[in-house]
Amino acid sequence: MAKKQNKQSDKMPAAEPVSLGDLVSYQEESVVSRTLAKRNGGTVTLFAFDEGQALSEHTVPFDALVQVLDGEVELTIGGKTVVAKSGDAVLMPADVPHAVNATNRFKMLLVMVRQVESG
């Protein structure tokens, strides 16, 4: 369970290569987040989870792509447990319950895209 959530809000530099993992730092017993972009259609956020931190099961109206940058994470998506490690990507569909459990320290890039209703 997350004891603290720290937000880092300074923007990512434009038109420059960056190492995403270097843009967010681990903090003991914390989940640290840094929003890189936020629009009506979705968000791009970096996270650093200390070992033992978690996000309880929840749903969001966005498709979410988790890209693990460092370490390893246990994700539960629609009742199925998935372990992802550095270099892996996992899709979490909109409106499907999911949870995040940091079995080890890990960093991820989370890209959330709002579904557009047609018609």
PDB file of N, CA and C in Angstrom:
ATOM      1  N   MET A   1       0.833  -1.177   0.000  1.00  0.00           N
ATOM      2  CA  MET A   1       0.000   0.000   0.000  1.00  0.00           C
ATOM      3  C   MET A   1       0.878   1.241   0.000  1.00  0.00           C
ATOM      4  N   ALA A   2       0.512   2.213  -0.796  1.00  0.00           N
ATOM      5  CA  ALA A   2       1.310   3.414  -0.932  1.00  0.00           C
ATOM      6  C   ALA A   2       1.171   4.272   0.316  1.00  0.00           C
ATOM      7  N   LYS A   3       2.305   4.610   0.933  1.00  0.00           N
ATOM      8  CA  LYS A   3       2.271   5.468   2.113  1.00  0.00           C
ATOM      9  C   LYS A   3       2.285   6.928   1.710  1.00  0.00           C
ATOM     10  N   LYS A   4       3.057   7.226   0.653  1.00  0.00           N
ATOM     11  CA  LYS A   4       3.147   8.601   0.179  1.00  0.00           C
ATOM     12  C   LYS A   4       3.125   8.574  -1.334  1.00  0.00           C
ATOM     13  N   GLN A   5       2.598   9.607  -1.925  1.00  0.00           N
ATOM     14  CA  GLN A   5       2.738   9.782  -3.359  1.00  0.00           C
ATOM     15  C   GLN A   5       3.255  11.184  -3.580  1.00  0.00           C
ATOM     16  N   ASN A   6       4.436  11.253  -4.147  1.00  0.00           N
ATOM     17  CA  ASN A   6       5.072  12.539  -4.420  1.00  0.00           C
ATOM     18  C   ASN A   6       4.961  12.819  -5.901  1.00  0.00           C
ATOM     19  N   LYS A   7       4.590  14.043  -6.244  1.00  0.00           N
ATOM     20  CA  LYS A   7       4.448  14.414  -7.640  1.00  0.00           C
ATOM     21  C   LYS A   7       5.547  15.383  -8.030  1.00  0.00           C
ATOM     22  N   GLN A   8       6.192  15.072  -9.144  1.00  0.00           N
ATOM     23  CA  GLN A   8       7.175  15.972  -9.722  1.00  0.00           C
ATOM     24  C   GLN A   8       6.532  16.525 -10.980  1.00  0.00           C
ATOM     25  N   SER A   9       6.419  17.838 -11.097  1.00  0.00           N
ATOM     26  CA  SER A   9       5.593  18.396 -12.164  1.00  0.00           C
ATOM     27  C   SER A   9       6.366  19.131 -13.256  1.00  0.00           C
ATOM     28  N   ASP A  10       7.679  19.262 -13.116  1.00  0.00           N
ATOM     29  CA  ASP A  10       8.372  20.000 -14.164  1.00  0.00           C
ATOM     30  C   ASP A  10       8.299  19.218 -15.466  1.00  0.00           C
ATOM     31  N   LYS A  11       8.174  19.938 -16.564  1.00  0.00           N
ATOM     32  CA  LYS A  11       7.935  19.343 -17.873  1.00  0.00           C
ATOM     33  C   LYS A  11       9.199  18.711 -18.450  1.00  0.00           C
ATOM     34  N   MET A  12       8.955  17.741 -19.303  1.00  0.00           N
ATOM     35  CA  MET A  12      10.036  17.097 -20.038  1.00  0.00           C
ATOM     36  C   MET A  12      10.519  18.072 -21.111  1.00  0.00           C
ATOM     37  N   PRO A  13      11.833  18.156 -21.328  1.00  0.00           N
ATOM     38  CA  PRO A  13      12.314  19.073 -22.371  1.00  0.00           C
ATOM     39  C   PRO A  13      11.840  18.632 -23.751  1.00  0.00           C
ATOM     40  N   ALA A  14      11.451  19.587 -24.572  1.00  0.00           N
ATOM     41  CA  ALA A  14      10.975  19.287 -25.921  1.00  0.00           C
ATOM     42  C   ALA A  14      12.150  19.202 -26.885  1.00  0.00           C
ATOM     43  N   ALA A  15      11.995  18.372 -27.899  1.00  0.00           N
ATOM     44  CA  ALA A  15      12.947  18.243 -29.003  1.00  0.00           C
ATOM     45  C   ALA A  15      14.360  17.907 -28.526  1.00  0.00           C
ATOM     46  N   GLU A  16      14.440  17.127 -27.436  1.00  0.00           N
ATOM     47  CA  GLU A  16      15.735  16.661 -26.924  1.00  0.00           C
ATOM     48  C   GLU A  16      15.595  15.207 -26.517  1.00  0.00           C
ATOM     49  N   PRO A  17      16.604  14.381 -26.814  1.00  0.00           N
ATOM     50  CA  PRO A  17      16.546  13.010 -26.318  1.00  0.00           C
ATOM     51  C   PRO A  17      16.761  12.990 -24.805  1.00  0.00           C
ATOM     52  N   VAL A  18      15.992  12.154 -24.117  1.00  0.00           N
ATOM     53  CA  VAL A  18      16.123  12.032 -22.665  1.00  0.00           C
ATOM     54  C   VAL A  18      16.047  10.556 -22.290  1.00  0.00           C
ATOM     55  N   SER A  19      16.653  10.211 -21.182  1.00  0.00           N
ATOM     56  CA  SER A  19      16.506   8.889 -20.610  1.00  0.00           C
ATOM     57  C   SER A  19      15.328   8.955 -19.647  1.00  0.00           C
ATOM     58  N   LEU A  20      14.221   8.320 -19.992  1.00  0.00           N
ATOM     59  CA  LEU A  20      13.004   8.432 -19.188  1.00  0.00           C
ATOM     60  C   LEU A  20      13.229   8.017 -17.743  1.00  0.00           C
ATOM     61  N   GLY A  21      13.997   6.966 -17.530  1.00  0.00           N
ATOM     62  CA  GLY A  21      14.251   6.501 -16.172  1.00  0.00           C
ATOM     63  C   GLY A  21      14.960   7.524 -15.306  1.00  0.00           C
ATOM     64  N   ASP A  22      15.693   8.441 -15.933  1.00  0.00           N
ATOM     65  CA  ASP A  22      16.405   9.474 -15.179  1.00  0.00           C
ATOM     66  C   ASP A  22      15.500  10.643 -14.782  1.00  0.00           C
ATOM     67  N   LEU A  23      14.289  10.690 -15.319  1.00  0.00           N
ATOM     68  CA  LEU A  23      13.394  11.816 -15.050  1.00  0.00           C
ATOM     69  C   LEU A  23      12.547  11.638 -13.790  1.00  0.00           C
ATOM     70  N   VAL A  24      12.638  10.466 -13.148  1.00  0.00           N
ATOM     71  CA  VAL A  24      11.906  10.212 -11.910  1.00  0.00           C
ATOM     72  C   VAL A  24      12.816   9.394 -10.994  1.00  0.00           C
ATOM     73  N   SER A  25      12.789   9.712  -9.697  1.00  0.00           N
ATOM     74  CA  SER A  25      13.697   9.073  -8.742  1.00  0.00           C
ATOM     75  C   SER A  25      12.933   8.254  -7.713  1.00  0.00           C
ATOM     76  N   TYR A  26      13.557   7.185  -7.259  1.00  0.00           N
ATOM     77  CA  TYR A  26      12.984   6.393  -6.175  1.00  0.00           C
ATOM     78  C   TYR A  26      13.057   7.170  -4.866  1.00  0.00           C
ATOM     79  N   GLN A  27      12.033   6.988  -4.029  1.00  0.00           N
ATOM     80  CA  GLN A  27      12.048   7.504  -2.663  1.00  0.00           C
ATOM     81  C   GLN A  27      11.567   6.385  -1.760  1.00  0.00           C
ATOM     82  N   GLU A  28      12.223   6.235  -0.629  1.00  0.00           N
ATOM     83  CA  GLU A  28      11.911   5.166   0.306  1.00  0.00           C
ATOM     84  C   GLU A  28      10.443   5.207   0.723  1.00  0.00           C
ATOM     85  N   GLU A  29       9.802   4.028   0.690  1.00  0.00           N
ATOM     86  CA  GLU A  29       8.411   3.844   1.105  1.00  0.00           C
ATOM     87  C   GLU A  29       7.441   4.775   0.381  1.00  0.00           C
ATOM     88  N   SER A  30       7.707   5.050  -0.890  1.00  0.00           N
ATOM     89  CA  SER A  30       6.882   6.007  -1.635  1.00  0.00           C
ATOM     90  C   SER A  30       6.629   5.561  -3.069  1.00  0.00           C
ATOM     91  N   VAL A  31       5.620   6.185  -3.633  1.00  0.00           N
ATOM     92  CA  VAL A  31       5.363   6.141  -5.065  1.00  0.00           C
ATOM     93  C   VAL A  31       5.571   7.569  -5.552  1.00  0.00           C
ATOM     94  N   VAL A  32       6.469   7.743  -6.503  1.00  0.00           N
ATOM     95  CA  VAL A  32       6.752   9.073  -7.042  1.00  0.00           C
ATOM     96  C   VAL A  32       6.212   9.117  -8.471  1.00  0.00           C
ATOM     97  N   SER A  33       5.511  10.190  -8.812  1.00  0.00           N
ATOM     98  CA  SER A  33       5.003  10.335 -10.176  1.00  0.00           C
ATOM     99  C   SER A  33       5.441  11.666 -10.765  1.00  0.00           C
ATOM    100  N   ARG A  34       5.588  11.661 -12.075  1.00  0.00           N
ATOM    101  CA  ARG A  34       5.932  12.879 -12.804  1.00  0.00           C
ATOM    102  C   ARG A  34       5.133  12.893 -14.102  1.00  0.00           C
ATOM    103  N   THR A  35       4.219  13.835 -14.219  1.00  0.00           N
ATOM    104  CA  THR A  35       3.393  13.947 -15.411  1.00  0.00           C
ATOM    105  C   THR A  35       4.186  14.653 -16.498  1.00  0.00           C
ATOM    106  N   LEU A  36       4.309  13.977 -17.646  1.00  0.00           N
ATOM    107  CA  LEU A  36       5.031  14.561 -18.775  1.00  0.00           C
ATOM    108  C   LEU A  36       4.094  15.275 -19.742  1.00  0.00           C
ATOM    109  N   ALA A  37       2.861  14.779 -19.841  1.00  0.00           N
ATOM    110  CA  ALA A  37       1.862  15.408 -20.725  1.00  0.00           C
ATOM    111  C   ALA A  37       0.476  15.085 -20.195  1.00  0.00           C
ATOM    112  N   LYS A  38      -0.405  16.073 -20.259  1.00  0.00           N
ATOM    113  CA  LYS A  38      -1.789  15.868 -19.821  1.00  0.00           C
ATOM    114  C   LYS A  38      -2.699  16.651 -20.756  1.00  0.00           C
ATOM    115  N   ARG A  39      -3.584  15.912 -21.417  1.00  0.00           N
ATOM    116  CA  ARG A  39      -4.537  16.509 -22.351  1.00  0.00           C
ATOM    117  C   ARG A  39      -5.901  15.865 -22.112  1.00  0.00           C
ATOM    118  N   ASN A  40      -6.950  16.401 -22.754  1.00  0.00           N
ATOM    119  CA  ASN A  40      -8.278  15.804 -22.637  1.00  0.00           C
ATOM    120  C   ASN A  40      -8.285  14.352 -23.098  1.00  0.00           C
ATOM    121  N   GLY A  41      -7.443  14.031 -24.082  1.00  0.00           N
ATOM    122  CA  GLY A  41      -7.419  12.686 -24.646  1.00  0.00           C
ATOM    123  C   GLY A  41      -6.587  11.693 -23.873  1.00  0.00           C
ATOM    124  N   GLY A  42      -5.826  12.147 -22.870  1.00  0.00           N
ATOM    125  CA  GLY A  42      -5.029  11.203 -22.093  1.00  0.00           C
ATOM    126  C   GLY A  42      -3.841  11.847 -21.407  1.00  0.00           C
ATOM    127  N   THR A  43      -3.018  10.985 -20.809  1.00  0.00           N
ATOM    128  CA  THR A  43      -1.849  11.462 -20.069  1.00  0.00           C
ATOM    129  C   THR A  43      -0.645  10.559 -20.324  1.00  0.00           C
ATOM    130  N   VAL A  44       0.521  11.124 -20.080  1.00  0.00           N
ATOM    131  CA  VAL A  44       1.775  10.378 -20.099  1.00  0.00           C
ATOM    132  C   VAL A  44       2.461  10.691 -18.775  1.00  0.00           C
ATOM    133  N   THR A  45       2.682   9.650 -17.963  1.00  0.00           N
ATOM    134  CA  THR A  45       3.208   9.833 -16.615  1.00  0.00           C
ATOM    135  C   THR A  45       4.289   8.817 -16.315  1.00  0.00           C
ATOM    136  N   LEU A  46       5.362   9.278 -15.680  1.00  0.00           N
ATOM    137  CA  LEU A  46       6.407   8.397 -15.173  1.00  0.00           C
ATOM    138  C   LEU A  46       6.132   8.094 -13.711  1.00  0.00           C
ATOM    139  N   PHE A  47       6.426   6.869 -13.288  1.00  0.00           N
ATOM    140  CA  PHE A  47       6.277   6.468 -11.896  1.00  0.00           C
ATOM    141  C   PHE A  47       7.537   5.752 -11.429  1.00  0.00           C
ATOM    142  N   ALA A  48       7.870   5.944 -10.156  1.00  0.00           N
ATOM    143  CA  ALA A  48       8.906   5.162  -9.481  1.00  0.00           C
ATOM    144  C   ALA A  48       8.280   4.625  -8.199  1.00  0.00           C
ATOM    145  N   PHE A  49       8.169   3.306  -8.090  1.00  0.00           N
ATOM    146  CA  PHE A  49       7.586   2.648  -6.924  1.00  0.00           C
ATOM    147  C   PHE A  49       8.699   2.029  -6.095  1.00  0.00           C
ATOM    148  N   ASP A  50       8.717   2.300  -4.814  1.00  0.00           N
ATOM    149  CA  ASP A  50       9.628   1.581  -3.933  1.00  0.00           C
ATOM    150  C   ASP A  50       9.061   0.184  -3.703  1.00  0.00           C
ATOM    151  N   GLU A  51       9.927  -0.755  -3.392  1.00  0.00           N
ATOM    152  CA  GLU A  51       9.490  -2.121  -3.123  1.00  0.00           C
ATOM    153  C   GLU A  51       8.419  -2.138  -2.039  1.00  0.00           C
ATOM    154  N   GLY A  52       7.370  -2.918  -2.261  1.00  0.00           N
ATOM    155  CA  GLY A  52       6.288  -3.041  -1.289  1.00  0.00           C
ATOM    156  C   GLY A  52       5.156  -2.052  -1.469  1.00  0.00           C
ATOM    157  N   GLN A  53       5.326  -1.067  -2.335  1.00  0.00           N
ATOM    158  CA  GLN A  53       4.264  -0.093  -2.582  1.00  0.00           C
ATOM    159  C   GLN A  53       3.264  -0.675  -3.577  1.00  0.00           C
ATOM    160  N   ALA A  54       2.036  -0.190  -3.554  1.00  0.00           N
ATOM    161  CA  ALA A  54       0.997  -0.739  -4.421  1.00  0.00           C
ATOM    162  C   ALA A  54      -0.079   0.295  -4.705  1.00  0.00           C
ATOM    163  N   LEU A  55      -0.814   0.053  -5.762  1.00  0.00           N
ATOM    164  CA  LEU A  55      -2.052   0.765  -6.051  1.00  0.00           C
ATOM    165  C   LEU A  55      -3.143  -0.291  -6.015  1.00  0.00           C
ATOM    166  N   SER A  56      -4.155  -0.091  -5.182  1.00  0.00           N
ATOM    167  CA  SER A  56      -5.227  -1.082  -5.046  1.00  0.00           C
ATOM    168  C   SER A  56      -6.052  -1.137  -6.326  1.00  0.00           C
ATOM    169  N   GLU A  57      -6.841  -2.194  -6.443  1.00  0.00           N
ATOM    170  CA  GLU A  57      -7.627  -2.412  -7.645  1.00  0.00           C
ATOM    171  C   GLU A  57      -8.550  -1.220  -7.919  1.00  0.00           C
ATOM    172  N   HIS A  58      -8.565  -0.801  -9.166  1.00  0.00           N
ATOM    173  CA  HIS A  58      -9.392   0.315  -9.594  1.00  0.00           C
ATOM    174  C   HIS A  58      -9.641   0.192 -11.101  1.00  0.00           C
ATOM    175  N   THR A  59     -10.527   1.027 -11.628  1.00  0.00           N
ATOM    176  CA  THR A  59     -10.755   1.089 -13.072  1.00  0.00           C
ATOM    177  C   THR A  59     -10.618   2.545 -13.512  1.00  0.00           C
ATOM    178  N   VAL A  60     -10.302   2.709 -14.778  1.00  0.00           N
ATOM    179  CA  VAL A  60     -10.232   4.041 -15.380  1.00  0.00           C
ATOM    180  C   VAL A  60     -10.837   3.966 -16.776  1.00  0.00           C
ATOM    181  N   PRO A  61     -11.392   5.081 -17.275  1.00  0.00           N
ATOM    182  CA  PRO A  61     -12.009   5.067 -18.601  1.00  0.00           C
ATOM    183  C   PRO A  61     -10.991   5.286 -19.726  1.00  0.00           C
ATOM    184  N   PHE A  62      -9.778   4.804 -19.530  1.00  0.00           N
ATOM    185  CA  PHE A  62      -8.687   4.960 -20.487  1.00  0.00           C
ATOM    186  C   PHE A  62      -8.082   3.597 -20.784  1.00  0.00           C
ATOM    187  N   ASP A  63      -7.653   3.356 -22.023  1.00  0.00           N
ATOM    188  CA  ASP A  63      -6.728   2.273 -22.278  1.00  0.00           C
ATOM    189  C   ASP A  63      -5.390   2.741 -21.723  1.00  0.00           C
ATOM    190  N   ALA A  64      -4.671   1.848 -21.065  1.00  0.00           N
ATOM    191  CA  ALA A  64      -3.403   2.235 -20.452  1.00  0.00           C
ATOM    192  C   ALA A  64      -2.301   1.289 -20.895  1.00  0.00           C
ATOM    193  N   LEU A  65      -1.208   1.843 -21.337  1.00  0.00           N
ATOM    194  CA  LEU A  65      -0.033   1.070 -21.709  1.00  0.00           C
ATOM    195  C   LEU A  65       1.032   1.305 -20.654  1.00  0.00           C
ATOM    196  N   VAL A  66       1.464   0.213 -20.015  1.00  0.00           N
ATOM    197  CA  VAL A  66       2.544   0.266 -19.035  1.00  0.00           C
ATOM    198  C   VAL A  66       3.824  -0.174 -19.731  1.00  0.00           C
ATOM    199  N   GLN A  67       4.850   0.664 -19.708  1.00  0.00           N
ATOM    200  CA  GLN A  67       6.172   0.314 -20.226  1.00  0.00           C
ATOM    201  C   GLN A  67       7.110   0.292 -19.026  1.00  0.00           C
ATOM    202  N   VAL A  68       7.605  -0.890 -18.647  1.00  0.00           N
ATOM    203  CA  VAL A  68       8.494  -1.005 -17.494  1.00  0.00           C
ATOM    204  C   VAL A  68       9.888  -0.555 -17.919  1.00  0.00           C
ATOM    205  N   LEU A  69      10.418   0.439 -17.223  1.00  0.00           N
ATOM    206  CA  LEU A  69      11.720   1.015 -17.543  1.00  0.00           C
ATOM    207  C   LEU A  69      12.841   0.415 -16.710  1.00  0.00           C
ATOM    208  N   ASP A  70      12.501  -0.017 -15.490  1.00  0.00           N
ATOM    209  CA  ASP A  70      13.509  -0.526 -14.562  1.00  0.00           C
ATOM    210  C   ASP A  70      12.811  -1.440 -13.566  1.00  0.00           C
ATOM    211  N   GLY A  71      13.439  -2.538 -13.190  1.00  0.00           N
ATOM    212  CA  GLY A  71      12.900  -3.400 -12.157  1.00  0.00           C
ATOM    213  C   GLY A  71      11.830  -4.342 -12.654  1.00  0.00           C
ATOM    214  N   GLU A  72      10.911  -4.688 -11.751  1.00  0.00           N
ATOM    215  CA  GLU A  72       9.878  -5.679 -12.027  1.00  0.00           C
ATOM    216  C   GLU A  72       8.615  -5.333 -11.258  1.00  0.00           C
ATOM    217  N   VAL A  73       7.454  -5.587 -11.868  1.00  0.00           N
ATOM    218  CA  VAL A  73       6.160  -5.263 -11.255  1.00  0.00           C
ATOM    219  C   VAL A  73       5.191  -6.417 -11.455  1.00  0.00           C
ATOM    220  N   GLU A  74       4.302  -6.566 -10.506  1.00  0.00           N
ATOM    221  CA  GLU A  74       3.208  -7.522 -10.618  1.00  0.00           C
ATOM    222  C   GLU A  74       1.932  -6.722 -10.860  1.00  0.00           C
ATOM    223  N   LEU A  75       1.295  -6.959 -12.002  1.00  0.00           N
ATOM    224  CA  LEU A  75       0.048  -6.301 -12.356  1.00  0.00           C
ATOM    225  C   LEU A  75      -1.071  -7.332 -12.296  1.00  0.00           C
ATOM    226  N   THR A  76      -2.209  -6.937 -11.789  1.00  0.00           N
ATOM    227  CA  THR A  76      -3.400  -7.777 -11.848  1.00  0.00           C
ATOM    228  C   THR A  76      -4.401  -7.046 -12.723  1.00  0.00           C
ATOM    229  N   ILE A  77      -4.786  -7.694 -13.829  1.00  0.00           N
ATOM    230  CA  ILE A  77      -5.660  -7.065 -14.818  1.00  0.00           C
ATOM    231  C   ILE A  77      -6.835  -7.998 -15.067  1.00  0.00           C
ATOM    232  N   GLY A  78      -8.022  -7.567 -14.692  1.00  0.00           N
ATOM    233  CA  GLY A  78      -9.204  -8.400 -14.876  1.00  0.00           C
ATOM    234  C   GLY A  78      -9.078  -9.747 -14.178  1.00  0.00           C
ATOM    235  N   GLY A  79      -8.425  -9.765 -13.017  1.00  0.00           N
ATOM    236  CA  GLY A  79      -8.261 -10.986 -12.239  1.00  0.00           C
ATOM    237  C   GLY A  79      -7.057 -11.827 -12.629  1.00  0.00           C
ATOM    238  N   LYS A  80      -6.353 -11.482 -13.704  1.00  0.00           N
ATOM    239  CA  LYS A  80      -5.174 -12.224 -14.159  1.00  0.00           C
ATOM    240  C   LYS A  80      -3.908 -11.507 -13.691  1.00  0.00           C
ATOM    241  N   THR A  81      -2.993 -12.260 -13.069  1.00  0.00           N
ATOM    242  CA  THR A  81      -1.730 -11.687 -12.606  1.00  0.00           C
ATOM    243  C   THR A  81      -0.681 -11.809 -13.707  1.00  0.00           C
ATOM    244  N   VAL A  82      -0.008 -10.690 -13.966  1.00  0.00           N
ATOM    245  CA  VAL A  82       1.030 -10.606 -14.987  1.00  0.00           C
ATOM    246  C   VAL A  82       2.269 -10.008 -14.343  1.00  0.00           C
ATOM    247  N   VAL A  83       3.430 -10.642 -14.547  1.00  0.00           N
ATOM    248  CA  VAL A  83       4.691 -10.082 -14.072  1.00  0.00           C
ATOM    249  C   VAL A  83       5.408  -9.484 -15.273  1.00  0.00           C
ATOM    250  N   ALA A  84       5.793  -8.217 -15.148  1.00  0.00           N
ATOM    251  CA  ALA A  84       6.496  -7.527 -16.230  1.00  0.00           C
ATOM    252  C   ALA A  84       7.803  -6.982 -15.686  1.00  0.00           C
ATOM    253  N   LYS A  85       8.856  -7.069 -16.499  1.00  0.00           N
ATOM    254  CA  LYS A  85      10.174  -6.588 -16.084  1.00  0.00           C
ATOM    255  C   LYS A  85      10.688  -5.555 -17.079  1.00  0.00           C
ATOM    256  N   SER A  86      11.811  -4.975 -16.757  1.00  0.00           N
ATOM    257  CA  SER A  86      12.408  -3.926 -17.579  1.00  0.00           C
ATOM    258  C   SER A  86      12.395  -4.313 -19.055  1.00  0.00           C
ATOM    259  N   GLY A  87      11.851  -3.421 -19.874  1.00  0.00           N
ATOM    260  CA  GLY A  87      11.754  -3.653 -21.309  1.00  0.00           C
ATOM    261  C   GLY A  87      10.408  -4.181 -21.751  1.00  0.00           C
ATOM    262  N   ASP A  88       9.594  -4.680 -20.811  1.00  0.00           N
ATOM    263  CA  ASP A  88       8.277  -5.225 -21.149  1.00  0.00           C
ATOM    264  C   ASP A  88       7.229  -4.118 -21.201  1.00  0.00           C
ATOM    265  N   ALA A  89       6.204  -4.346 -22.013  1.00  0.00           N
ATOM    266  CA  ALA A  89       5.045  -3.454 -22.077  1.00  0.00           C
ATOM    267  C   ALA A  89       3.795  -4.298 -21.884  1.00  0.00           C
ATOM    268  N   VAL A  90       2.800  -3.738 -21.195  1.00  0.00           N
ATOM    269  CA  VAL A  90       1.541  -4.440 -20.923  1.00  0.00           C
ATOM    270  C   VAL A  90       0.391  -3.473 -21.168  1.00  0.00           C
ATOM    271  N   LEU A  91      -0.625  -3.949 -21.886  1.00  0.00           N
ATOM    272  CA  LEU A  91      -1.820  -3.152 -22.131  1.00  0.00           C
ATOM    273  C   LEU A  91      -2.867  -3.460 -21.067  1.00  0.00           C
ATOM    274  N   MET A  92      -3.414  -2.417 -20.458  1.00  0.00           N
ATOM    275  CA  MET A  92      -4.518  -2.552 -19.510  1.00  0.00           C
ATOM    276  C   MET A  92      -5.729  -1.878 -20.151  1.00  0.00           C
ATOM    277  N   PRO A  93      -6.720  -2.670 -20.570  1.00  0.00           N
ATOM    278  CA  PRO A  93      -7.876  -2.093 -21.267  1.00  0.00           C
ATOM    279  C   PRO A  93      -8.714  -1.177 -20.369  1.00  0.00           C
ATOM    280  N   ALA A  94      -9.355  -0.204 -20.986  1.00  0.00           N
ATOM    281  CA  ALA A  94     -10.247   0.711 -20.274  1.00  0.00           C
ATOM    282  C   ALA A  94     -11.352  -0.063 -19.577  1.00  0.00           C
ATOM    283  N   ASP A  95     -11.746   0.414 -18.409  1.00  0.00           N
ATOM    284  CA  ASP A  95     -12.868  -0.111 -17.633  1.00  0.00           C
ATOM    285  C   ASP A  95     -12.685  -1.547 -17.136  1.00  0.00           C
ATOM    286  N   VAL A  96     -11.464  -2.073 -17.193  1.00  0.00           N
ATOM    287  CA  VAL A  96     -11.158  -3.392 -16.644  1.00  0.00           C
ATOM    288  C   VAL A  96     -10.417  -3.168 -15.329  1.00  0.00           C
ATOM    289  N   PRO A  97     -10.866  -3.772 -14.234  1.00  0.00           N
ATOM    290  CA  PRO A  97     -10.185  -3.572 -12.946  1.00  0.00           C
ATOM    291  C   PRO A  97      -8.724  -4.013 -13.019  1.00  0.00           C
ATOM    292  N   HIS A  98      -7.857  -3.191 -12.434  1.00  0.00           N
ATOM    293  CA  HIS A  98      -6.437  -3.531 -12.403  1.00  0.00           C
ATOM    294  C   HIS A  98      -5.808  -3.003 -11.117  1.00  0.00           C
ATOM    295  N   ALA A  99      -4.688  -3.624 -10.750  1.00  0.00           N
ATOM    296  CA  ALA A  99      -3.941  -3.229  -9.553  1.00  0.00           C
ATOM    297  C   ALA A  99      -2.456  -3.345  -9.858  1.00  0.00           C
ATOM    298  N   VAL A 100      -1.650  -2.613  -9.088  1.00  0.00           N
ATOM    299  CA  VAL A 100      -0.201  -2.580  -9.267  1.00  0.00           C
ATOM    300  C   VAL A 100       0.447  -2.947  -7.942  1.00  0.00           C
ATOM    301  N   ASN A 101       1.391  -3.901  -7.979  1.00  0.00           N
ATOM    302  CA  ASN A 101       2.098  -4.325  -6.779  1.00  0.00           C
ATOM    303  C   ASN A 101       3.597  -4.346  -7.065  1.00  0.00           C
ATOM    304  N   ALA A 102       4.340  -3.519  -6.352  1.00  0.00           N
ATOM    305  CA  ALA A 102       5.787  -3.436  -6.547  1.00  0.00           C
ATOM    306  C   ALA A 102       6.479  -4.515  -5.719  1.00  0.00           C
ATOM    307  N   THR A 103       6.667  -5.693  -6.325  1.00  0.00           N
ATOM    308  CA  THR A 103       7.376  -6.772  -5.647  1.00  0.00           C
ATOM    309  C   THR A 103       8.855  -6.428  -5.496  1.00  0.00           C
ATOM    310  N   ASN A 104       9.339  -5.542  -6.342  1.00  0.00           N
ATOM    311  CA  ASN A 104      10.686  -4.966  -6.299  1.00  0.00           C
ATOM    312  C   ASN A 104      10.528  -3.494  -6.656  1.00  0.00           C
ATOM    313  N   ARG A 105      11.561  -2.723  -6.435  1.00  0.00           N
ATOM    314  CA  ARG A 105      11.529  -1.342  -6.934  1.00  0.00           C
ATOM    315  C   ARG A 105      11.358  -1.398  -8.444  1.00  0.00           C
ATOM    316  N   PHE A 106      10.553  -0.486  -8.978  1.00  0.00           N
ATOM    317  CA  PHE A 106      10.429  -0.429 -10.433  1.00  0.00           C
ATOM    318  C   PHE A 106      10.009   0.965 -10.870  1.00  0.00           C
ATOM    319  N   LYS A 107      10.325   1.259 -12.136  1.00  0.00           N
ATOM    320  CA  LYS A 107       9.899   2.496 -12.782  1.00  0.00           C
ATOM    321  C   LYS A 107       9.103   2.127 -14.013  1.00  0.00           C
ATOM    322  N   MET A 108       8.073   2.937 -14.281  1.00  0.00           N
ATOM    323  CA  MET A 108       7.278   2.691 -15.479  1.00  0.00           C
ATOM    324  C   MET A 108       6.849   3.998 -16.122  1.00  0.00           C
ATOM    325  N   LEU A 109       6.645   3.909 -17.415  1.00  0.00           N
ATOM    326  CA  LEU A 109       5.997   4.968 -18.172  1.00  0.00           C
ATOM    327  C   LEU A 109       4.569   4.501 -18.386  1.00  0.00           C
ATOM    328  N   LEU A 110       3.598   5.309 -17.979  1.00  0.00           N
ATOM    329  CA  LEU A 110       2.191   4.982 -18.138  1.00  0.00           C
ATOM    330  C   LEU A 110       1.583   5.942 -19.149  1.00  0.00           C
ATOM    331  N   VAL A 111       1.088   5.387 -20.249  1.00  0.00           N
ATOM    332  CA  VAL A 111       0.429   6.188 -21.286  1.00  0.00           C
ATOM    333  C   VAL A 111      -1.042   5.813 -21.263  1.00  0.00           C
ATOM    334  N   MET A 112      -1.894   6.777 -20.932  1.00  0.00           N
ATOM    335  CA  MET A 112      -3.341   6.537 -20.882  1.00  0.00           C
ATOM    336  C   MET A 112      -4.010   7.311 -22.007  1.00  0.00           C
ATOM    337  N   VAL A 113      -4.862   6.600 -22.758  1.00  0.00           N
ATOM    338  CA  VAL A 113      -5.546   7.196 -23.902  1.00  0.00           C
ATOM    339  C   VAL A 113      -7.044   6.989 -23.737  1.00  0.00           C
ATOM    340  N   ARG A 114      -7.777   8.094 -23.708  1.00  0.00           N
ATOM    341  CA  ARG A 114      -9.232   8.030 -23.529  1.00  0.00           C
ATOM    342  C   ARG A 114      -9.865   7.447 -24.790  1.00  0.00           C
ATOM    343  N   GLN A 115     -10.819   6.544 -24.579  1.00  0.00           N
ATOM    344  CA  GLN A 115     -11.563   5.985 -25.716  1.00  0.00           C
ATOM    345  C   GLN A 115     -12.511   7.040 -26.250  1.00  0.00           C
ATOM    346  N   VAL A 116     -12.607   7.134 -27.549  1.00  0.00           N
ATOM    347  CA  VAL A 116     -13.505   8.091 -28.186  1.00  0.00           C
ATOM    348  C   VAL A 116     -14.761   7.342 -28.611  1.00  0.00           C
ATOM    349  N   GLU A 117     -15.888   7.865 -28.184  1.00  0.00           N
ATOM    350  CA  GLU A 117     -17.172   7.246 -28.544  1.00  0.00           C
ATOM    351  C   GLU A 117     -17.518   7.651 -29.968  1.00  0.00           C
ATOM    352  N   SER A 118     -17.885   6.673 -30.773  1.00  0.00           N
ATOM    353  CA  SER A 118     -18.266   6.979 -32.162  1.00  0.00           C
ATOM    354  C   SER A 118     -19.776   7.097 -32.280  1.00  0.00           C
ATOM    355  N   GLY A 119     -20.170   7.840 -33.262  1.00  0.00           N
ATOM    356  CA  GLY A 119     -21.561   7.892 -33.625  1.00  0.00           C
ATOM    357  C   GLY A 119     -22.347   8.909 -33.012  1.00  0.00           C
TER     358      GLY A 119
END
